[in-house]
Amino acid sequence: MKISQEDRILIKDLYLSKPCGVRRLLHEFPDNGWKVGSIDSLLKRIRKTCTIIQQPRSGRPRSSRM
């Protein structure tokens, strides 16, 4: 399940106010259906860039094949 924009803002505010890990966030919000990997990658992005917005990718996008 993807993390909504409101949830990303909530996670960022919680992490910046009192740094906590993935397991603690999952324990505090068990009904949201977040995955460990998605929360972990979001926290890595927050630590690295202090933002929740994805950075633009460089290079040519892959073409689709049929």
PDB file of N, CA and C in Angstrom:
ATOM      1  N   MET A   1       0.834  -1.176   0.000  1.00  0.00           N
ATOM      2  CA  MET A   1       0.000   0.000   0.000  1.00  0.00           C
ATOM      3  C   MET A   1       0.881   1.242   0.000  1.00  0.00           C
ATOM      4  N   LYS A   2       0.565   2.169  -0.869  1.00  0.00           N
ATOM      5  CA  LYS A   2       1.337   3.395  -0.948  1.00  0.00           C
ATOM      6  C   LYS A   2       1.011   4.303   0.228  1.00  0.00           C
ATOM      7  N   ILE A   3       1.968   5.098   0.593  1.00  0.00           N
ATOM      8  CA  ILE A   3       1.794   6.034   1.698  1.00  0.00           C
ATOM      9  C   ILE A   3       1.235   7.332   1.122  1.00  0.00           C
ATOM     10  N   SER A   4       0.133   7.810   1.683  1.00  0.00           N
ATOM     11  CA  SER A   4      -0.493   9.031   1.176  1.00  0.00           C
ATOM     12  C   SER A   4       0.356  10.251   1.535  1.00  0.00           C
ATOM     13  N   GLN A   5       0.073  11.349   0.882  1.00  0.00           N
ATOM     14  CA  GLN A   5       0.823  12.585   1.108  1.00  0.00           C
ATOM     15  C   GLN A   5       0.646  13.073   2.548  1.00  0.00           C
ATOM     16  N   GLU A   6      -0.570  12.943   3.089  1.00  0.00           N
ATOM     17  CA  GLU A   6      -0.814  13.362   4.468  1.00  0.00           C
ATOM     18  C   GLU A   6      -0.014  12.507   5.447  1.00  0.00           C
ATOM     19  N   ASP A   7       0.072  11.203   5.159  1.00  0.00           N
ATOM     20  CA  ASP A   7       0.847  10.310   6.020  1.00  0.00           C
ATOM     21  C   ASP A   7       2.333  10.627   5.936  1.00  0.00           C
ATOM     22  N   ARG A   8       2.811  10.975   4.756  1.00  0.00           N
ATOM     23  CA  ARG A   8       4.226  11.345   4.612  1.00  0.00           C
ATOM     24  C   ARG A   8       4.555  12.578   5.442  1.00  0.00           C
ATOM     25  N   ILE A   9       3.653  13.558   5.432  1.00  0.00           N
ATOM     26  CA  ILE A   9       3.858  14.767   6.229  1.00  0.00           C
ATOM     27  C   ILE A   9       3.849  14.431   7.712  1.00  0.00           C
ATOM     28  N   LEU A  10       2.925  13.564   8.126  1.00  0.00           N
ATOM     29  CA  LEU A  10       2.849  13.135   9.521  1.00  0.00           C
ATOM     30  C   LEU A  10       4.129  12.428   9.948  1.00  0.00           C
ATOM     31  N   ILE A  11       4.623  11.519   9.121  1.00  0.00           N
ATOM     32  CA  ILE A  11       5.843  10.784   9.441  1.00  0.00           C
ATOM     33  C   ILE A  11       7.029  11.731   9.533  1.00  0.00           C
ATOM     34  N   LYS A  12       7.115  12.685   8.617  1.00  0.00           N
ATOM     35  CA  LYS A  12       8.223  13.648   8.645  1.00  0.00           C
ATOM     36  C   LYS A  12       8.185  14.483   9.914  1.00  0.00           C
ATOM     37  N   ASP A  13       7.002  14.980  10.285  1.00  0.00           N
ATOM     38  CA  ASP A  13       6.894  15.789  11.495  1.00  0.00           C
ATOM     39  C   ASP A  13       7.246  14.993  12.742  1.00  0.00           C
ATOM     40  N   LEU A  14       6.768  13.742  12.809  1.00  0.00           N
ATOM     41  CA  LEU A  14       7.095  12.900  13.960  1.00  0.00           C
ATOM     42  C   LEU A  14       8.585  12.597  14.023  1.00  0.00           C
ATOM     43  N   TYR A  15       9.179  12.309  12.878  1.00  0.00           N
ATOM     44  CA  TYR A  15      10.600  11.962  12.856  1.00  0.00           C
ATOM     45  C   TYR A  15      11.474  13.159  13.228  1.00  0.00           C
ATOM     46  N   LEU A  16      11.123  14.348  12.752  1.00  0.00           N
ATOM     47  CA  LEU A  16      11.940  15.518  13.048  1.00  0.00           C
ATOM     48  C   LEU A  16      11.747  16.000  14.482  1.00  0.00           C
ATOM     49  N   SER A  17      10.557  15.799  15.064  1.00  0.00           N
ATOM     50  CA  SER A  17      10.336  16.231  16.439  1.00  0.00           C
ATOM     51  C   SER A  17      10.988  15.282  17.439  1.00  0.00           C
ATOM     52  N   LYS A  18      10.827  13.989  17.229  1.00  0.00           N
ATOM     53  CA  LYS A  18      11.470  12.989  18.083  1.00  0.00           C
ATOM     54  C   LYS A  18      11.879  11.823  17.204  1.00  0.00           C
ATOM     55  N   PRO A  19      13.160  11.753  16.845  1.00  0.00           N
ATOM     56  CA  PRO A  19      13.602  10.698  15.926  1.00  0.00           C
ATOM     57  C   PRO A  19      13.225   9.303  16.421  1.00  0.00           C
ATOM     58  N   CYS A  20      12.528   8.579  15.577  1.00  0.00           N
ATOM     59  CA  CYS A  20      12.117   7.227  15.906  1.00  0.00           C
ATOM     60  C   CYS A  20      12.323   6.354  14.672  1.00  0.00           C
ATOM     61  N   GLY A  21      12.323   5.064  14.897  1.00  0.00           N
ATOM     62  CA  GLY A  21      12.584   4.126  13.826  1.00  0.00           C
ATOM     63  C   GLY A  21      11.324   3.626  13.160  1.00  0.00           C
ATOM     64  N   VAL A  22      11.529   2.724  12.223  1.00  0.00           N
ATOM     65  CA  VAL A  22      10.442   2.153  11.438  1.00  0.00           C
ATOM     66  C   VAL A  22       9.497   1.358  12.324  1.00  0.00           C
ATOM     67  N   ARG A  23      10.050   0.522  13.171  1.00  0.00           N
ATOM     68  CA  ARG A  23       9.225  -0.344  14.024  1.00  0.00           C
ATOM     69  C   ARG A  23       8.340   0.464  14.964  1.00  0.00           C
ATOM     70  N   ARG A  24       8.863   1.547  15.492  1.00  0.00           N
ATOM     71  CA  ARG A  24       8.062   2.376  16.399  1.00  0.00           C
ATOM     72  C   ARG A  24       6.909   3.038  15.663  1.00  0.00           C
ATOM     73  N   LEU A  25       7.160   3.521  14.446  1.00  0.00           N
ATOM     74  CA  LEU A  25       6.085   4.123  13.659  1.00  0.00           C
ATOM     75  C   LEU A  25       5.014   3.099  13.325  1.00  0.00           C
ATOM     76  N   LEU A  26       5.426   1.887  12.979  1.00  0.00           N
ATOM     77  CA  LEU A  26       4.459   0.836  12.679  1.00  0.00           C
ATOM     78  C   LEU A  26       3.680   0.432  13.919  1.00  0.00           C
ATOM     79  N   HIS A  27       4.328   0.475  15.079  1.00  0.00           N
ATOM     80  CA  HIS A  27       3.650   0.126  16.323  1.00  0.00           C
ATOM     81  C   HIS A  27       2.634   1.199  16.732  1.00  0.00           C
ATOM     82  N   GLU A  28       2.967   2.477  16.496  1.00  0.00           N
ATOM     83  CA  GLU A  28       2.070   3.566  16.870  1.00  0.00           C
ATOM     84  C   GLU A  28       0.872   3.679  15.926  1.00  0.00           C
ATOM     85  N   PHE A  29       1.036   3.294  14.663  1.00  0.00           N
ATOM     86  CA  PHE A  29      -0.038   3.391  13.673  1.00  0.00           C
ATOM     87  C   PHE A  29      -0.262   2.034  13.002  1.00  0.00           C
ATOM     88  N   PRO A  30      -0.825   1.064  13.711  1.00  0.00           N
ATOM     89  CA  PRO A  30      -0.964  -0.284  13.131  1.00  0.00           C
ATOM     90  C   PRO A  30      -2.068  -0.389  12.077  1.00  0.00           C
ATOM     91  N   ASP A  31      -3.022   0.521  12.069  1.00  0.00           N
ATOM     92  CA  ASP A  31      -4.171   0.418  11.168  1.00  0.00           C
ATOM     93  C   ASP A  31      -3.941   1.016   9.788  1.00  0.00           C
ATOM     94  N   ASN A  32      -2.810   1.651   9.555  1.00  0.00           N
ATOM     95  CA  ASN A  32      -2.576   2.318   8.280  1.00  0.00           C
ATOM     96  C   ASN A  32      -2.140   1.371   7.173  1.00  0.00           C
ATOM     97  N   GLY A  33      -1.618   0.214   7.505  1.00  0.00           N
ATOM     98  CA  GLY A  33      -1.199  -0.746   6.484  1.00  0.00           C
ATOM     99  C   GLY A  33       0.102  -0.395   5.800  1.00  0.00           C
ATOM    100  N   TRP A  34       0.966   0.337   6.491  1.00  0.00           N
ATOM    101  CA  TRP A  34       2.255   0.691   5.919  1.00  0.00           C
ATOM    102  C   TRP A  34       3.160  -0.519   5.905  1.00  0.00           C
ATOM    103  N   LYS A  35       4.070  -0.572   4.929  1.00  0.00           N
ATOM    104  CA  LYS A  35       5.067  -1.629   4.830  1.00  0.00           C
ATOM    105  C   LYS A  35       6.389  -1.136   5.407  1.00  0.00           C
ATOM    106  N   VAL A  36       7.180  -2.057   5.912  1.00  0.00           N
ATOM    107  CA  VAL A  36       8.466  -1.717   6.525  1.00  0.00           C
ATOM    108  C   VAL A  36       9.389  -1.066   5.503  1.00  0.00           C
ATOM    109  N   GLY A  37       9.437  -1.609   4.294  1.00  0.00           N
ATOM    110  CA  GLY A  37      10.331  -1.081   3.263  1.00  0.00           C
ATOM    111  C   GLY A  37       9.975   0.322   2.820  1.00  0.00           C
ATOM    112  N   SER A  38       8.684   0.609   2.708  1.00  0.00           N
ATOM    113  CA  SER A  38       8.280   1.945   2.261  1.00  0.00           C
ATOM    114  C   SER A  38       8.563   2.993   3.330  1.00  0.00           C
ATOM    115  N   ILE A  39       8.352   2.638   4.602  1.00  0.00           N
ATOM    116  CA  ILE A  39       8.667   3.570   5.683  1.00  0.00           C
ATOM    117  C   ILE A  39      10.178   3.769   5.775  1.00  0.00           C
ATOM    118  N   ASP A  40      10.937   2.702   5.613  1.00  0.00           N
ATOM    119  CA  ASP A  40      12.388   2.787   5.679  1.00  0.00           C
ATOM    120  C   ASP A  40      12.944   3.680   4.578  1.00  0.00           C
ATOM    121  N   SER A  41      12.446   3.521   3.364  1.00  0.00           N
ATOM    122  CA  SER A  41      12.942   4.362   2.266  1.00  0.00           C
ATOM    123  C   SER A  41      12.531   5.822   2.455  1.00  0.00           C
ATOM    124  N   LEU A  42      11.347   6.049   3.013  1.00  0.00           N
ATOM    125  CA  LEU A  42      10.916   7.426   3.288  1.00  0.00           C
ATOM    126  C   LEU A  42      11.800   8.064   4.355  1.00  0.00           C
ATOM    127  N   LEU A  43      12.130   7.318   5.409  1.00  0.00           N
ATOM    128  CA  LEU A  43      13.000   7.858   6.450  1.00  0.00           C
ATOM    129  C   LEU A  43      14.407   8.120   5.926  1.00  0.00           C
ATOM    130  N   LYS A  44      14.898   7.269   5.038  1.00  0.00           N
ATOM    131  CA  LYS A  44      16.207   7.508   4.428  1.00  0.00           C
ATOM    132  C   LYS A  44      16.196   8.803   3.617  1.00  0.00           C
ATOM    133  N   ARG A  45      15.109   9.021   2.874  1.00  0.00           N
ATOM    134  CA  ARG A  45      14.992  10.252   2.085  1.00  0.00           C
ATOM    135  C   ARG A  45      14.916  11.470   2.999  1.00  0.00           C
ATOM    136  N   ILE A  46      14.202  11.354   4.116  1.00  0.00           N
ATOM    137  CA  ILE A  46      14.101  12.473   5.060  1.00  0.00           C
ATOM    138  C   ILE A  46      15.465  12.761   5.677  1.00  0.00           C
ATOM    139  N   ARG A  47      16.208  11.718   6.048  1.00  0.00           N
ATOM    140  CA  ARG A  47      17.547  11.921   6.615  1.00  0.00           C
ATOM    141  C   ARG A  47      18.494  12.573   5.625  1.00  0.00           C
ATOM    142  N   LYS A  48      18.392  12.169   4.359  1.00  0.00           N
ATOM    143  CA  LYS A  48      19.338  12.637   3.343  1.00  0.00           C
ATOM    144  C   LYS A  48      19.003  14.053   2.864  1.00  0.00           C
ATOM    145  N   THR A  49      17.735  14.328   2.557  1.00  0.00           N
ATOM    146  CA  THR A  49      17.376  15.596   1.936  1.00  0.00           C
ATOM    147  C   THR A  49      16.447  16.468   2.760  1.00  0.00           C
ATOM    148  N   CYS A  50      15.939  15.949   3.890  1.00  0.00           N
ATOM    149  CA  CYS A  50      14.976  16.659   4.749  1.00  0.00           C
ATOM    150  C   CYS A  50      13.700  17.038   3.996  1.00  0.00           C
ATOM    151  N   THR A  51      13.314  16.234   3.021  1.00  0.00           N
ATOM    152  CA  THR A  51      12.092  16.485   2.275  1.00  0.00           C
ATOM    153  C   THR A  51      11.397  15.162   1.991  1.00  0.00           C
ATOM    154  N   ILE A  52      10.105  15.231   1.675  1.00  0.00           N
ATOM    155  CA  ILE A  52       9.354  14.027   1.346  1.00  0.00           C
ATOM    156  C   ILE A  52       9.083  13.927  -0.146  1.00  0.00           C
ATOM    157  N   ILE A  53       9.530  14.925  -0.884  1.00  0.00           N
ATOM    158  CA  ILE A  53       9.292  14.972  -2.329  1.00  0.00           C
ATOM    159  C   ILE A  53      10.374  14.164  -3.043  1.00  0.00           C
ATOM    160  N   GLN A  54       9.974  13.349  -4.010  1.00  0.00           N
ATOM    161  CA  GLN A  54      10.947  12.574  -4.772  1.00  0.00           C
ATOM    162  C   GLN A  54      11.721  13.495  -5.708  1.00  0.00           C
ATOM    163  N   GLN A  55      13.009  13.253  -5.796  1.00  0.00           N
ATOM    164  CA  GLN A  55      13.863  14.044  -6.664  1.00  0.00           C
ATOM    165  C   GLN A  55      13.712  13.562  -8.104  1.00  0.00           C
ATOM    166  N   PRO A  56      13.839  14.464  -9.086  1.00  0.00           N
ATOM    167  CA  PRO A  56      13.732  14.032 -10.474  1.00  0.00           C
ATOM    168  C   PRO A  56      14.882  13.105 -10.852  1.00  0.00           C
ATOM    169  N   ARG A  57      14.577  12.133 -11.650  1.00  0.00           N
ATOM    170  CA  ARG A  57      15.571  11.152 -12.080  1.00  0.00           C
ATOM    171  C   ARG A  57      16.369  11.716 -13.258  1.00  0.00           C
ATOM    172  N   SER A  58      17.599  11.292 -13.371  1.00  0.00           N
ATOM    173  CA  SER A  58      18.403  11.731 -14.496  1.00  0.00           C
ATOM    174  C   SER A  58      18.418  10.645 -15.562  1.00  0.00           C
ATOM    175  N   GLY A  59      18.691  11.031 -16.763  1.00  0.00           N
ATOM    176  CA  GLY A  59      18.807  10.062 -17.839  1.00  0.00           C
ATOM    177  C   GLY A  59      17.513   9.855 -18.602  1.00  0.00           C
ATOM    178  N   ARG A  60      17.626   9.041 -19.599  1.00  0.00           N
ATOM    179  CA  ARG A  60      16.509   8.759 -20.471  1.00  0.00           C
ATOM    180  C   ARG A  60      15.631   7.664 -19.843  1.00  0.00           C
ATOM    181  N   PRO A  61      14.307   7.846 -19.854  1.00  0.00           N
ATOM    182  CA  PRO A  61      13.451   6.807 -19.295  1.00  0.00           C
ATOM    183  C   PRO A  61      13.446   5.555 -20.161  1.00  0.00           C
ATOM    184  N   ARG A  62      13.160   4.426 -19.542  1.00  0.00           N
ATOM    185  CA  ARG A  62      13.088   3.172 -20.287  1.00  0.00           C
ATOM    186  C   ARG A  62      11.893   3.197 -21.211  1.00  0.00           C
ATOM    187  N   SER A  63      12.056   2.578 -22.371  1.00  0.00           N
ATOM    188  CA  SER A  63      10.937   2.499 -23.304  1.00  0.00           C
ATOM    189  C   SER A  63      10.112   1.259 -22.970  1.00  0.00           C
ATOM    190  N   SER A  64       8.844   1.310 -23.306  1.00  0.00           N
ATOM    191  CA  SER A  64       7.999   0.154 -23.028  1.00  0.00           C
ATOM    192  C   SER A  64       8.064  -0.822 -24.199  1.00  0.00           C
ATOM    193  N   ARG A  65       7.935  -2.080 -23.869  1.00  0.00           N
ATOM    194  CA  ARG A  65       7.975  -3.124 -24.901  1.00  0.00           C
ATOM    195  C   ARG A  65       6.692  -3.912 -24.841  1.00  0.00           C
ATOM    196  N   MET A  66       6.247  -4.335 -26.002  1.00  0.00           N
ATOM    197  CA  MET A  66       5.034  -5.130 -26.038  1.00  0.00           C
ATOM    198  C   MET A  66       5.317  -6.493 -26.630  1.00  0.00           C
TER     199      MET A  66
END
